[in-house]
Amino acid sequence: MSLHDKLVANLPQVHFMVTSKLSLTCCTLAESLHSCHDKFVVNLHSCHDKFVVSLLQTKIAIWEALPFCFEEPDTSGLLRKDGTLISLSQNVRSVE
């Protein structure tokens, strides 16, 4: 039997082995992708939850500060002893 005949005779076994290894590799890859997908989804939900909490805290902070936006500013630190308001623009020097 020639080398060519031996190769042709063994070809189905080689083909089966390659196909089996390829199938095993594909199954392993698919399993890894599912695991990766699951971890990604968990991390995405965690990130979403943290974002929602942060947004809610910001909204609460804005609503708590809102009444103060309409009050008169405290200028007690800017008044002279005679009751006149100190002009901040007079104390600012321009740099040229």
PDB file of N, CA and C in Angstrom:
ATOM      1  N   MET A   1       0.860  -1.183   0.000  1.00  0.00           N
ATOM      2  CA  MET A   1       0.000   0.000   0.000  1.00  0.00           C
ATOM      3  C   MET A   1       0.899   1.237   0.000  1.00  0.00           C
ATOM      4  N   SER A   2       0.592   2.161  -0.893  1.00  0.00           N
ATOM      5  CA  SER A   2       1.406   3.373  -1.003  1.00  0.00           C
ATOM      6  C   SER A   2       1.029   4.372   0.092  1.00  0.00           C
ATOM      7  N   LEU A   3       1.879   5.364   0.252  1.00  0.00           N
ATOM      8  CA  LEU A   3       1.633   6.411   1.256  1.00  0.00           C
ATOM      9  C   LEU A   3       0.335   7.140   0.953  1.00  0.00           C
ATOM     10  N   HIS A   4       0.081   7.388  -0.307  1.00  0.00           N
ATOM     11  CA  HIS A   4      -1.141   8.064  -0.716  1.00  0.00           C
ATOM     12  C   HIS A   4      -2.369   7.253  -0.306  1.00  0.00           C
ATOM     13  N   ASP A   5      -2.301   5.947  -0.532  1.00  0.00           N
ATOM     14  CA  ASP A   5      -3.433   5.079  -0.178  1.00  0.00           C
ATOM     15  C   ASP A   5      -3.662   5.065   1.331  1.00  0.00           C
ATOM     16  N   LYS A   6      -2.571   5.064   2.111  1.00  0.00           N
ATOM     17  CA  LYS A   6      -2.692   5.085   3.573  1.00  0.00           C
ATOM     18  C   LYS A   6      -3.336   6.397   4.046  1.00  0.00           C
ATOM     19  N   LEU A   7      -2.909   7.505   3.445  1.00  0.00           N
ATOM     20  CA  LEU A   7      -3.485   8.807   3.820  1.00  0.00           C
ATOM     21  C   LEU A   7      -4.970   8.863   3.492  1.00  0.00           C
ATOM     22  N   VAL A   8      -5.324   8.377   2.315  1.00  0.00           N
ATOM     23  CA  VAL A   8      -6.725   8.379   1.906  1.00  0.00           C
ATOM     24  C   VAL A   8      -7.537   7.470   2.821  1.00  0.00           C
ATOM     25  N   ALA A   9      -6.969   6.340   3.230  1.00  0.00           N
ATOM     26  CA  ALA A   9      -7.670   5.411   4.113  1.00  0.00           C
ATOM     27  C   ALA A   9      -7.879   6.019   5.506  1.00  0.00           C
ATOM     28  N   ASN A  10      -6.935   6.805   5.974  1.00  0.00           N
ATOM     29  CA  ASN A  10      -7.025   7.413   7.311  1.00  0.00           C
ATOM     30  C   ASN A  10      -7.732   8.770   7.315  1.00  0.00           C
ATOM     31  N   LEU A  11      -8.058   9.279   6.157  1.00  0.00           N
ATOM     32  CA  LEU A  11      -8.673  10.606   6.061  1.00  0.00           C
ATOM     33  C   LEU A  11      -9.968  10.727   6.859  1.00  0.00           C
ATOM     34  N   PRO A  12     -10.878   9.765   6.843  1.00  0.00           N
ATOM     35  CA  PRO A  12     -12.099   9.910   7.657  1.00  0.00           C
ATOM     36  C   PRO A  12     -11.796  10.051   9.151  1.00  0.00           C
ATOM     37  N   GLN A  13     -10.780   9.329   9.651  1.00  0.00           N
ATOM     38  CA  GLN A  13     -10.419   9.444  11.062  1.00  0.00           C
ATOM     39  C   GLN A  13      -9.870  10.832  11.366  1.00  0.00           C
ATOM     40  N   VAL A  14      -9.025  11.336  10.487  1.00  0.00           N
ATOM     41  CA  VAL A  14      -8.453  12.677  10.669  1.00  0.00           C
ATOM     42  C   VAL A  14      -9.562  13.716  10.591  1.00  0.00           C
ATOM     43  N   HIS A  15     -10.452  13.559   9.626  1.00  0.00           N
ATOM     44  CA  HIS A  15     -11.565  14.494   9.463  1.00  0.00           C
ATOM     45  C   HIS A  15     -12.446  14.506  10.713  1.00  0.00           C
ATOM     46  N   PHE A  16     -12.745  13.305  11.260  1.00  0.00           N
ATOM     47  CA  PHE A  16     -13.562  13.214  12.469  1.00  0.00           C
ATOM     48  C   PHE A  16     -12.859  13.887  13.645  1.00  0.00           C
ATOM     49  N   MET A  17     -11.546  13.664  13.774  1.00  0.00           N
ATOM     50  CA  MET A  17     -10.793  14.235  14.888  1.00  0.00           C
ATOM     51  C   MET A  17     -10.779  15.757  14.797  1.00  0.00           C
ATOM     52  N   VAL A  18     -10.546  16.288  13.610  1.00  0.00           N
ATOM     53  CA  VAL A  18     -10.529  17.740  13.421  1.00  0.00           C
ATOM     54  C   VAL A  18     -11.914  18.315  13.701  1.00  0.00           C
ATOM     55  N   THR A  19     -12.940  17.655  13.194  1.00  0.00           N
ATOM     56  CA  THR A  19     -14.305  18.122  13.411  1.00  0.00           C
ATOM     57  C   THR A  19     -14.660  18.080  14.895  1.00  0.00           C
ATOM     58  N   SER A  20     -14.243  17.020  15.589  1.00  0.00           N
ATOM     59  CA  SER A  20     -14.523  16.899  17.021  1.00  0.00           C
ATOM     60  C   SER A  20     -13.830  18.001  17.803  1.00  0.00           C
ATOM     61  N   LYS A  21     -12.567  18.241  17.482  1.00  0.00           N
ATOM     62  CA  LYS A  21     -11.833  19.293  18.198  1.00  0.00           C
ATOM     63  C   LYS A  21     -12.432  20.663  17.899  1.00  0.00           C
ATOM     64  N   LEU A  22     -12.833  20.878  16.659  1.00  0.00           N
ATOM     65  CA  LEU A  22     -13.450  22.152  16.296  1.00  0.00           C
ATOM     66  C   LEU A  22     -14.772  22.327  17.037  1.00  0.00           C
ATOM     67  N   SER A  23     -15.558  21.261  17.122  1.00  0.00           N
ATOM     68  CA  SER A  23     -16.831  21.328  17.853  1.00  0.00           C
ATOM     69  C   SER A  23     -16.592  21.618  19.324  1.00  0.00           C
ATOM     70  N   LEU A  24     -15.606  20.945  19.904  1.00  0.00           N
ATOM     71  CA  LEU A  24     -15.283  21.163  21.310  1.00  0.00           C
ATOM     72  C   LEU A  24     -14.835  22.603  21.538  1.00  0.00           C
ATOM     73  N   THR A  25     -14.012  23.114  20.633  1.00  0.00           N
ATOM     74  CA  THR A  25     -13.549  24.503  20.739  1.00  0.00           C
ATOM     75  C   THR A  25     -14.724  25.471  20.630  1.00  0.00           C
ATOM     76  N   CYS A  26     -15.635  25.211  19.705  1.00  0.00           N
ATOM     77  CA  CYS A  26     -16.807  26.082  19.546  1.00  0.00           C
ATOM     78  C   CYS A  26     -17.693  26.046  20.785  1.00  0.00           C
ATOM     79  N   CYS A  27     -17.883  24.857  21.359  1.00  0.00           N
ATOM     80  CA  CYS A  27     -18.702  24.745  22.577  1.00  0.00           C
ATOM     81  C   CYS A  27     -18.051  25.484  23.738  1.00  0.00           C
ATOM     82  N   THR A  28     -16.732  25.337  23.866  1.00  0.00           N
ATOM     83  CA  THR A  28     -16.006  26.036  24.933  1.00  0.00           C
ATOM     84  C   THR A  28     -16.112  27.544  24.744  1.00  0.00           C
ATOM     85  N   LEU A  29     -15.971  27.988  23.502  1.00  0.00           N
ATOM     86  CA  LEU A  29     -16.079  29.416  23.204  1.00  0.00           C
ATOM     87  C   LEU A  29     -17.487  29.926  23.514  1.00  0.00           C
ATOM     88  N   ALA A  30     -18.489  29.162  23.120  1.00  0.00           N
ATOM     89  CA  ALA A  30     -19.876  29.572  23.392  1.00  0.00           C
ATOM     90  C   ALA A  30     -20.134  29.652  24.894  1.00  0.00           C
ATOM     91  N   GLU A  31     -19.616  28.689  25.647  1.00  0.00           N
ATOM     92  CA  GLU A  31     -19.780  28.698  27.102  1.00  0.00           C
ATOM     93  C   GLU A  31     -19.090  29.919  27.713  1.00  0.00           C
ATOM     94  N   SER A  32     -17.898  30.223  27.220  1.00  0.00           N
ATOM     95  CA  SER A  32     -17.173  31.400  27.720  1.00  0.00           C
ATOM     96  C   SER A  32     -17.922  32.686  27.393  1.00  0.00           C
ATOM     97  N   LEU A  33     -18.491  32.737  26.194  1.00  0.00           N
ATOM     98  CA  LEU A  33     -19.248  33.929  25.809  1.00  0.00           C
ATOM     99  C   LEU A  33     -20.490  34.101  26.676  1.00  0.00           C
ATOM    100  N   HIS A  34     -21.161  33.007  27.000  1.00  0.00           N
ATOM    101  CA  HIS A  34     -22.337  33.089  27.883  1.00  0.00           C
ATOM    102  C   HIS A  34     -21.930  33.579  29.264  1.00  0.00           C
ATOM    103  N   SER A  35     -20.824  33.052  29.771  1.00  0.00           N
ATOM    104  CA  SER A  35     -20.332  33.469  31.088  1.00  0.00           C
ATOM    105  C   SER A  35     -19.955  34.946  31.070  1.00  0.00           C
ATOM    106  N   CYS A  36     -19.263  35.349  30.008  1.00  0.00           N
ATOM    107  CA  CYS A  36     -18.865  36.756  29.861  1.00  0.00           C
ATOM    108  C   CYS A  36     -20.098  37.645  29.753  1.00  0.00           C
ATOM    109  N   HIS A  37     -21.086  37.203  28.995  1.00  0.00           N
ATOM    110  CA  HIS A  37     -22.325  37.961  28.830  1.00  0.00           C
ATOM    111  C   HIS A  37     -23.030  38.135  30.171  1.00  0.00           C
ATOM    112  N   ASP A  38     -23.096  37.045  30.943  1.00  0.00           N
ATOM    113  CA  ASP A  38     -23.759  37.111  32.250  1.00  0.00           C
ATOM    114  C   ASP A  38     -23.055  38.102  33.175  1.00  0.00           C
ATOM    115  N   LYS A  39     -21.720  38.060  33.195  1.00  0.00           N
ATOM    116  CA  LYS A  39     -20.955  38.997  34.033  1.00  0.00           C
ATOM    117  C   LYS A  39     -21.172  40.431  33.557  1.00  0.00           C
ATOM    118  N   PHE A  40     -21.208  40.619  32.238  1.00  0.00           N
ATOM    119  CA  PHE A  40     -21.427  41.954  31.679  1.00  0.00           C
ATOM    120  C   PHE A  40     -22.795  42.497  32.092  1.00  0.00           C
ATOM    121  N   VAL A  41     -23.812  41.648  32.017  1.00  0.00           N
ATOM    122  CA  VAL A  41     -25.170  42.073  32.388  1.00  0.00           C
ATOM    123  C   VAL A  41     -25.228  42.450  33.865  1.00  0.00           C
ATOM    124  N   VAL A  42     -24.588  41.657  34.718  1.00  0.00           N
ATOM    125  CA  VAL A  42     -24.564  41.958  36.153  1.00  0.00           C
ATOM    126  C   VAL A  42     -23.872  43.297  36.395  1.00  0.00           C
ATOM    127  N   ASN A  43     -22.721  43.511  35.745  1.00  0.00           N
ATOM    128  CA  ASN A  43     -22.000  44.777  35.908  1.00  0.00           C
ATOM    129  C   ASN A  43     -22.796  45.952  35.359  1.00  0.00           C
ATOM    130  N   LEU A  44     -23.492  45.731  34.258  1.00  0.00           N
ATOM    131  CA  LEU A  44     -24.306  46.792  33.671  1.00  0.00           C
ATOM    132  C   LEU A  44     -25.448  47.175  34.605  1.00  0.00           C
ATOM    133  N   HIS A  45     -26.098  46.192  35.202  1.00  0.00           N
ATOM    134  CA  HIS A  45     -27.174  46.478  36.163  1.00  0.00           C
ATOM    135  C   HIS A  45     -26.634  47.215  37.382  1.00  0.00           C
ATOM    136  N   SER A  46     -25.473  46.804  37.856  1.00  0.00           N
ATOM    137  CA  SER A  46     -24.864  47.462  39.016  1.00  0.00           C
ATOM    138  C   SER A  46     -24.540  48.918  38.687  1.00  0.00           C
ATOM    139  N   CYS A  47     -23.967  49.138  37.506  1.00  0.00           N
ATOM    140  CA  CYS A  47     -23.636  50.501  37.068  1.00  0.00           C
ATOM    141  C   CYS A  47     -24.911  51.329  36.932  1.00  0.00           C
ATOM    142  N   HIS A  48     -25.952  50.742  36.365  1.00  0.00           N
ATOM    143  CA  HIS A  48     -27.228  51.435  36.201  1.00  0.00           C
ATOM    144  C   HIS A  48     -27.803  51.824  37.556  1.00  0.00           C
ATOM    145  N   ASP A  49     -27.767  50.881  38.503  1.00  0.00           N
ATOM    146  CA  ASP A  49     -28.303  51.158  39.839  1.00  0.00           C
ATOM    147  C   ASP A  49     -27.548  52.298  40.512  1.00  0.00           C
ATOM    148  N   LYS A  50     -26.214  52.283  40.391  1.00  0.00           N
ATOM    149  CA  LYS A  50     -25.406  53.357  40.988  1.00  0.00           C
ATOM    150  C   LYS A  50     -25.729  54.696  40.331  1.00  0.00           C
ATOM    151  N   PHE A  51     -25.926  54.689  39.010  1.00  0.00           N
ATOM    152  CA  PHE A  51     -26.255  55.920  38.298  1.00  0.00           C
ATOM    153  C   PHE A  51     -27.609  56.458  38.749  1.00  0.00           C
ATOM    154  N   VAL A  52     -28.580  55.565  38.898  1.00  0.00           N
ATOM    155  CA  VAL A  52     -29.920  55.983  39.334  1.00  0.00           C
ATOM    156  C   VAL A  52     -29.862  56.568  40.741  1.00  0.00           C
ATOM    157  N   VAL A  53     -29.113  55.935  41.633  1.00  0.00           N
ATOM    158  CA  VAL A  53     -28.971  56.447  43.003  1.00  0.00           C
ATOM    159  C   VAL A  53     -28.320  57.820  42.987  1.00  0.00           C
ATOM    160  N   SER A  54     -27.266  57.971  42.195  1.00  0.00           N
ATOM    161  CA  SER A  54     -26.576  59.259  42.107  1.00  0.00           C
ATOM    162  C   SER A  54     -27.505  60.337  41.553  1.00  0.00           C
ATOM    163  N   LEU A  55     -28.261  59.988  40.534  1.00  0.00           N
ATOM    164  CA  LEU A  55     -29.201  60.935  39.938  1.00  0.00           C
ATOM    165  C   LEU A  55     -30.279  61.329  40.937  1.00  0.00           C
ATOM    166  N   LEU A  56     -30.762  60.366  41.697  1.00  0.00           N
ATOM    167  CA  LEU A  56     -31.775  60.635  42.712  1.00  0.00           C
ATOM    168  C   LEU A  56     -31.216  61.542  43.808  1.00  0.00           C
ATOM    169  N   GLN A  57     -29.971  61.287  44.227  1.00  0.00           N
ATOM    170  CA  GLN A  57     -29.349  62.135  45.246  1.00  0.00           C
ATOM    171  C   GLN A  57     -29.188  63.564  44.731  1.00  0.00           C
ATOM    172  N   THR A  58     -28.809  63.702  43.462  1.00  0.00           N
ATOM    173  CA  THR A  58     -28.666  65.030  42.863  1.00  0.00           C
ATOM    174  C   THR A  58     -30.013  65.734  42.820  1.00  0.00           C
ATOM    175  N   LYS A  59     -31.046  65.002  42.428  1.00  0.00           N
ATOM    176  CA  LYS A  59     -32.389  65.583  42.359  1.00  0.00           C
ATOM    177  C   LYS A  59     -32.848  66.028  43.746  1.00  0.00           C
ATOM    178  N   ILE A  60     -32.589  65.206  44.761  1.00  0.00           N
ATOM    179  CA  ILE A  60     -32.958  65.569  46.133  1.00  0.00           C
ATOM    180  C   ILE A  60     -32.195  66.808  46.570  1.00  0.00           C
ATOM    181  N   ALA A  61     -30.896  66.858  46.257  1.00  0.00           N
ATOM    182  CA  ALA A  61     -30.082  68.011  46.642  1.00  0.00           C
ATOM    183  C   ALA A  61     -30.594  69.285  45.976  1.00  0.00           C
ATOM    184  N   ILE A  62     -31.002  69.187  44.726  1.00  0.00           N
ATOM    185  CA  ILE A  62     -31.530  70.364  44.020  1.00  0.00           C
ATOM    186  C   ILE A  62     -32.834  70.814  44.663  1.00  0.00           C
ATOM    187  N   TRP A  63     -33.723  69.857  44.959  1.00  0.00           N
ATOM    188  CA  TRP A  63     -35.001  70.219  45.570  1.00  0.00           C
ATOM    189  C   TRP A  63     -34.818  70.794  46.966  1.00  0.00           C
ATOM    190  N   GLU A  64     -33.809  70.313  47.697  1.00  0.00           N
ATOM    191  CA  GLU A  64     -33.550  70.862  49.027  1.00  0.00           C
ATOM    192  C   GLU A  64     -32.978  72.271  48.932  1.00  0.00           C
ATOM    193  N   ALA A  65     -32.185  72.541  47.895  1.00  0.00           N
ATOM    194  CA  ALA A  65     -31.556  73.851  47.745  1.00  0.00           C
ATOM    195  C   ALA A  65     -32.474  74.859  47.070  1.00  0.00           C
ATOM    196  N   LEU A  66     -33.503  74.396  46.413  1.00  0.00           N
ATOM    197  CA  LEU A  66     -34.380  75.278  45.647  1.00  0.00           C
ATOM    198  C   LEU A  66     -34.980  76.420  46.468  1.00  0.00           C
ATOM    199  N   PRO A  67     -35.477  76.205  47.683  1.00  0.00           N
ATOM    200  CA  PRO A  67     -36.041  77.334  48.441  1.00  0.00           C
ATOM    201  C   PRO A  67     -35.011  78.432  48.729  1.00  0.00           C
ATOM    202  N   PHE A  68     -33.751  78.051  48.866  1.00  0.00           N
ATOM    203  CA  PHE A  68     -32.711  79.032  49.166  1.00  0.00           C
ATOM    204  C   PHE A  68     -32.373  79.899  47.954  1.00  0.00           C
ATOM    205  N   CYS A  69     -32.731  79.455  46.775  1.00  0.00           N
ATOM    206  CA  CYS A  69     -32.439  80.221  45.563  1.00  0.00           C
ATOM    207  C   CYS A  69     -33.263  81.505  45.504  1.00  0.00           C
ATOM    208  N   PHE A  70     -34.388  81.523  46.189  1.00  0.00           N
ATOM    209  CA  PHE A  70     -35.271  82.679  46.123  1.00  0.00           C
ATOM    210  C   PHE A  70     -35.133  83.601  47.328  1.00  0.00           C
ATOM    211  N   GLU A  71     -34.232  83.291  48.238  1.00  0.00           N
ATOM    212  CA  GLU A  71     -34.020  84.140  49.408  1.00  0.00           C
ATOM    213  C   GLU A  71     -33.021  85.243  49.074  1.00  0.00           C
ATOM    214  N   GLU A  72     -33.090  86.308  49.828  1.00  0.00           N
ATOM    215  CA  GLU A  72     -32.123  87.392  49.674  1.00  0.00           C
ATOM    216  C   GLU A  72     -30.761  86.902  50.158  1.00  0.00           C
ATOM    217  N   PRO A  73     -29.696  87.249  49.459  1.00  0.00           N
ATOM    218  CA  PRO A  73     -28.373  86.799  49.887  1.00  0.00           C
ATOM    219  C   PRO A  73     -27.963  87.456  51.204  1.00  0.00           C
ATOM    220  N   ASP A  74     -27.149  86.765  51.975  1.00  0.00           N
ATOM    221  CA  ASP A  74     -26.643  87.282  53.245  1.00  0.00           C
ATOM    222  C   ASP A  74     -25.484  88.231  52.944  1.00  0.00           C
ATOM    223  N   THR A  75     -25.692  89.498  53.174  1.00  0.00           N
ATOM    224  CA  THR A  75     -24.646  90.499  52.909  1.00  0.00           C
ATOM    225  C   THR A  75     -24.072  91.056  54.201  1.00  0.00           C
ATOM    226  N   SER A  76     -24.335  90.374  55.307  1.00  0.00           N
ATOM    227  CA  SER A  76     -23.877  90.915  56.593  1.00  0.00           C
ATOM    228  C   SER A  76     -22.357  91.034  56.643  1.00  0.00           C
ATOM    229  N   GLY A  77     -21.643  90.170  55.956  1.00  0.00           N
ATOM    230  CA  GLY A  77     -20.179  90.259  55.937  1.00  0.00           C
ATOM    231  C   GLY A  77     -19.673  91.348  55.012  1.00  0.00           C
ATOM    232  N   LEU A  78     -20.563  91.941  54.229  1.00  0.00           N
ATOM    233  CA  LEU A  78     -20.162  92.963  53.264  1.00  0.00           C
ATOM    234  C   LEU A  78     -20.617  94.363  53.672  1.00  0.00           C
ATOM    235  N   LEU A  79     -21.081  94.519  54.892  1.00  0.00           N
ATOM    236  CA  LEU A  79     -21.557  95.827  55.350  1.00  0.00           C
ATOM    237  C   LEU A  79     -20.496  96.521  56.197  1.00  0.00           C
ATOM    238  N   ARG A  80     -20.392  97.834  55.987  1.00  0.00           N
ATOM    239  CA  ARG A  80     -19.519  98.644  56.845  1.00  0.00           C
ATOM    240  C   ARG A  80     -20.238  98.898  58.161  1.00  0.00           C
ATOM    241  N   LYS A  81     -19.528  99.452  59.114  1.00  0.00           N
ATOM    242  CA  LYS A  81     -20.124  99.741  60.418  1.00  0.00           C
ATOM    243  C   LYS A  81     -21.274 100.736  60.308  1.00  0.00           C
ATOM    244  N   ASP A  82     -21.198 101.624  59.294  1.00  0.00           N
ATOM    245  CA  ASP A  82     -22.283 102.600  59.142  1.00  0.00           C
ATOM    246  C   ASP A  82     -23.483 102.026  58.379  1.00  0.00           C
ATOM    247  N   GLY A  83     -23.405 100.740  57.956  1.00  0.00           N
ATOM    248  CA  GLY A  83     -24.537 100.093  57.305  1.00  0.00           C
ATOM    249  C   GLY A  83     -24.493 100.153  55.792  1.00  0.00           C
ATOM    250  N   THR A  84     -23.515 100.828  55.205  1.00  0.00           N
ATOM    251  CA  THR A  84     -23.430 100.872  53.742  1.00  0.00           C
ATOM    252  C   THR A  84     -22.752  99.600  53.226  1.00  0.00           C
ATOM    253  N   LEU A  85     -23.131  99.237  52.026  1.00  0.00           N
ATOM    254  CA  LEU A  85     -22.623  98.009  51.414  1.00  0.00           C
ATOM    255  C   LEU A  85     -21.235  98.247  50.833  1.00  0.00           C
ATOM    256  N   ILE A  86     -20.318  97.320  51.083  1.00  0.00           N
ATOM    257  CA  ILE A  86     -18.967  97.412  50.518  1.00  0.00           C
ATOM    258  C   ILE A  86     -19.049  96.939  49.072  1.00  0.00           C
ATOM    259  N   SER A  87     -18.493  97.720  48.168  1.00  0.00           N
ATOM    260  CA  SER A  87     -18.481  97.349  46.757  1.00  0.00           C
ATOM    261  C   SER A  87     -17.268  96.456  46.498  1.00  0.00           C
ATOM    262  N   LEU A  88     -17.532  95.251  46.040  1.00  0.00           N
ATOM    263  CA  LEU A  88     -16.427  94.337  45.764  1.00  0.00           C
ATOM    264  C   LEU A  88     -15.641  94.763  44.538  1.00  0.00           C
ATOM    265  N   SER A  89     -16.281  95.451  43.618  1.00  0.00           N
ATOM    266  CA  SER A  89     -15.589  95.849  42.394  1.00  0.00           C
ATOM    267  C   SER A  89     -14.495  96.874  42.677  1.00  0.00           C
ATOM    268  N   GLN A  90     -14.588  97.610  43.772  1.00  0.00           N
ATOM    269  CA  GLN A  90     -13.551  98.584  44.111  1.00  0.00           C
ATOM    270  C   GLN A  90     -12.293  97.883  44.607  1.00  0.00           C
ATOM    271  N   ASN A  91     -12.444  96.701  45.164  1.00  0.00           N
ATOM    272  CA  ASN A  91     -11.302  95.986  45.725  1.00  0.00           C
ATOM    273  C   ASN A  91     -10.586  95.110  44.703  1.00  0.00           C
ATOM    274  N   VAL A  92     -11.138  95.010  43.520  1.00  0.00           N
ATOM    275  CA  VAL A  92     -10.535  94.164  42.495  1.00  0.00           C
ATOM    276  C   VAL A  92      -9.638  95.014  41.623  1.00  0.00           C
ATOM    277  N   ARG A  93      -8.382  94.588  41.499  1.00  0.00           N
ATOM    278  CA  ARG A  93      -7.446  95.308  40.629  1.00  0.00           C
ATOM    279  C   ARG A  93      -7.283  94.520  39.338  1.00  0.00           C
ATOM    280  N   SER A  94      -7.222  95.222  38.242  1.00  0.00           N
ATOM    281  CA  SER A  94      -6.998  94.528  36.976  1.00  0.00           C
ATOM    282  C   SER A  94      -5.502  94.333  36.783  1.00  0.00           C
ATOM    283  N   VAL A  95      -5.149  93.197  36.258  1.00  0.00           N
ATOM    284  CA  VAL A  95      -3.745  92.887  35.995  1.00  0.00           C
ATOM    285  C   VAL A  95      -3.513  93.066  34.513  1.00  0.00           C
ATOM    286  N   GLU A  96      -2.557  93.902  34.194  1.00  0.00           N
ATOM    287  CA  GLU A  96      -2.269  94.144  32.776  1.00  0.00           C
ATOM    288  C   GLU A  96      -0.846  93.777  32.466  1.00  0.00           C
TER     289      GLU A  96
END
